[in-house]
Amino acid sequence: MSYPSEPPEGDSVYVGFIAEHGYGVHHFGVLVVDMPAALDKTEAAAFT
């Protein structure tokens, strides 16, 4: 799998994200044992 080094031109979620936040992490995944508890923690930490 390959990823483009530059976002596509035109209107896209990538262009909007970069315009609002700059370059950096767009999203990431985390493996957890207890999903409901993990969601509670993210909500408490204002990540949602």
C-alpha atoms as a PDB file:
ATOM      1  CA  MET A   1       0.000   0.000   0.000  1.00  0.00           C
ATOM      2  CA  SER A   2       1.346   3.411  -0.844  1.00  0.00           C
ATOM      3  CA  TYR A   3       0.317   6.836   0.292  1.00  0.00           C
ATOM      4  CA  PRO A   4       0.651  10.065  -1.665  1.00  0.00           C
ATOM      5  CA  SER A   5       3.224  12.503  -0.342  1.00  0.00           C
ATOM      6  CA  GLU A   6       0.947  15.430  -1.167  1.00  0.00           C
ATOM      7  CA  PRO A   7      -2.814  15.696  -0.592  1.00  0.00           C
ATOM      8  CA  PRO A   8      -4.995  15.592  -3.690  1.00  0.00           C
ATOM      9  CA  GLU A   9      -5.816  18.940  -5.219  1.00  0.00           C
ATOM     10  CA  GLY A  10      -9.340  20.275  -4.923  1.00  0.00           C
ATOM     11  CA  ASP A  11     -11.853  19.894  -2.135  1.00  0.00           C
ATOM     12  CA  SER A  12     -11.220  16.955   0.208  1.00  0.00           C
ATOM     13  CA  VAL A  13     -11.070  16.116   3.923  1.00  0.00           C
ATOM     14  CA  TYR A  14      -7.281  16.271   3.692  1.00  0.00           C
ATOM     15  CA  VAL A  15      -7.195  19.776   2.253  1.00  0.00           C
ATOM     16  CA  GLY A  16      -9.644  20.973   4.925  1.00  0.00           C
ATOM     17  CA  PHE A  17      -7.697  19.320   7.752  1.00  0.00           C
ATOM     18  CA  ILE A  18      -4.383  20.793   6.612  1.00  0.00           C
ATOM     19  CA  ALA A  19      -5.936  24.237   6.219  1.00  0.00           C
ATOM     20  CA  GLU A  20      -7.341  24.087   9.758  1.00  0.00           C
ATOM     21  CA  HIS A  21      -4.580  22.222  11.629  1.00  0.00           C
ATOM     22  CA  GLY A  22      -1.471  22.213   9.430  1.00  0.00           C
ATOM     23  CA  TYR A  23       0.532  19.122   8.487  1.00  0.00           C
ATOM     24  CA  GLY A  24       0.783  16.334  11.026  1.00  0.00           C
ATOM     25  CA  VAL A  25      -1.125  13.299  12.257  1.00  0.00           C
ATOM     26  CA  HIS A  26      -4.526  12.962  10.605  1.00  0.00           C
ATOM     27  CA  HIS A  27      -5.698   9.946  12.596  1.00  0.00           C
ATOM     28  CA  PHE A  28      -4.334   6.940  14.441  1.00  0.00           C
ATOM     29  CA  GLY A  29      -5.597   3.696  15.925  1.00  0.00           C
ATOM     30  CA  VAL A  30      -5.226   2.208  19.380  1.00  0.00           C
ATOM     31  CA  LEU A  31      -5.853  -1.401  20.423  1.00  0.00           C
ATOM     32  CA  VAL A  32      -7.556  -1.623  23.825  1.00  0.00           C
ATOM     33  CA  VAL A  33      -8.798  -4.538  25.926  1.00  0.00           C
ATOM     34  CA  ASP A  34     -11.911  -2.796  27.301  1.00  0.00           C
ATOM     35  CA  MET A  35     -13.498  -0.526  24.663  1.00  0.00           C
ATOM     36  CA  PRO A  36     -16.265   0.957  26.879  1.00  0.00           C
ATOM     37  CA  ALA A  37     -13.702   1.914  29.539  1.00  0.00           C
ATOM     38  CA  ALA A  38     -11.380   3.366  26.906  1.00  0.00           C
ATOM     39  CA  LEU A  39     -14.216   5.455  25.452  1.00  0.00           C
ATOM     40  CA  ASP A  40     -15.085   6.733  28.936  1.00  0.00           C
ATOM     41  CA  LYS A  41     -11.451   7.794  29.410  1.00  0.00           C
ATOM     42  CA  THR A  42     -11.286   9.576  26.045  1.00  0.00           C
ATOM     43  CA  GLU A  43     -14.525  11.426  26.761  1.00  0.00           C
ATOM     44  CA  ALA A  44     -13.249  12.435  30.217  1.00  0.00           C
ATOM     45  CA  ALA A  45     -10.048  13.723  28.596  1.00  0.00           C
ATOM     46  CA  ALA A  46     -12.083  15.690  25.992  1.00  0.00           C
ATOM     47  CA  PHE A  47     -10.740  13.669  23.022  1.00  0.00           C
ATOM     48  CA  THR A  48     -14.204  13.202  21.504  1.00  0.00           C
END
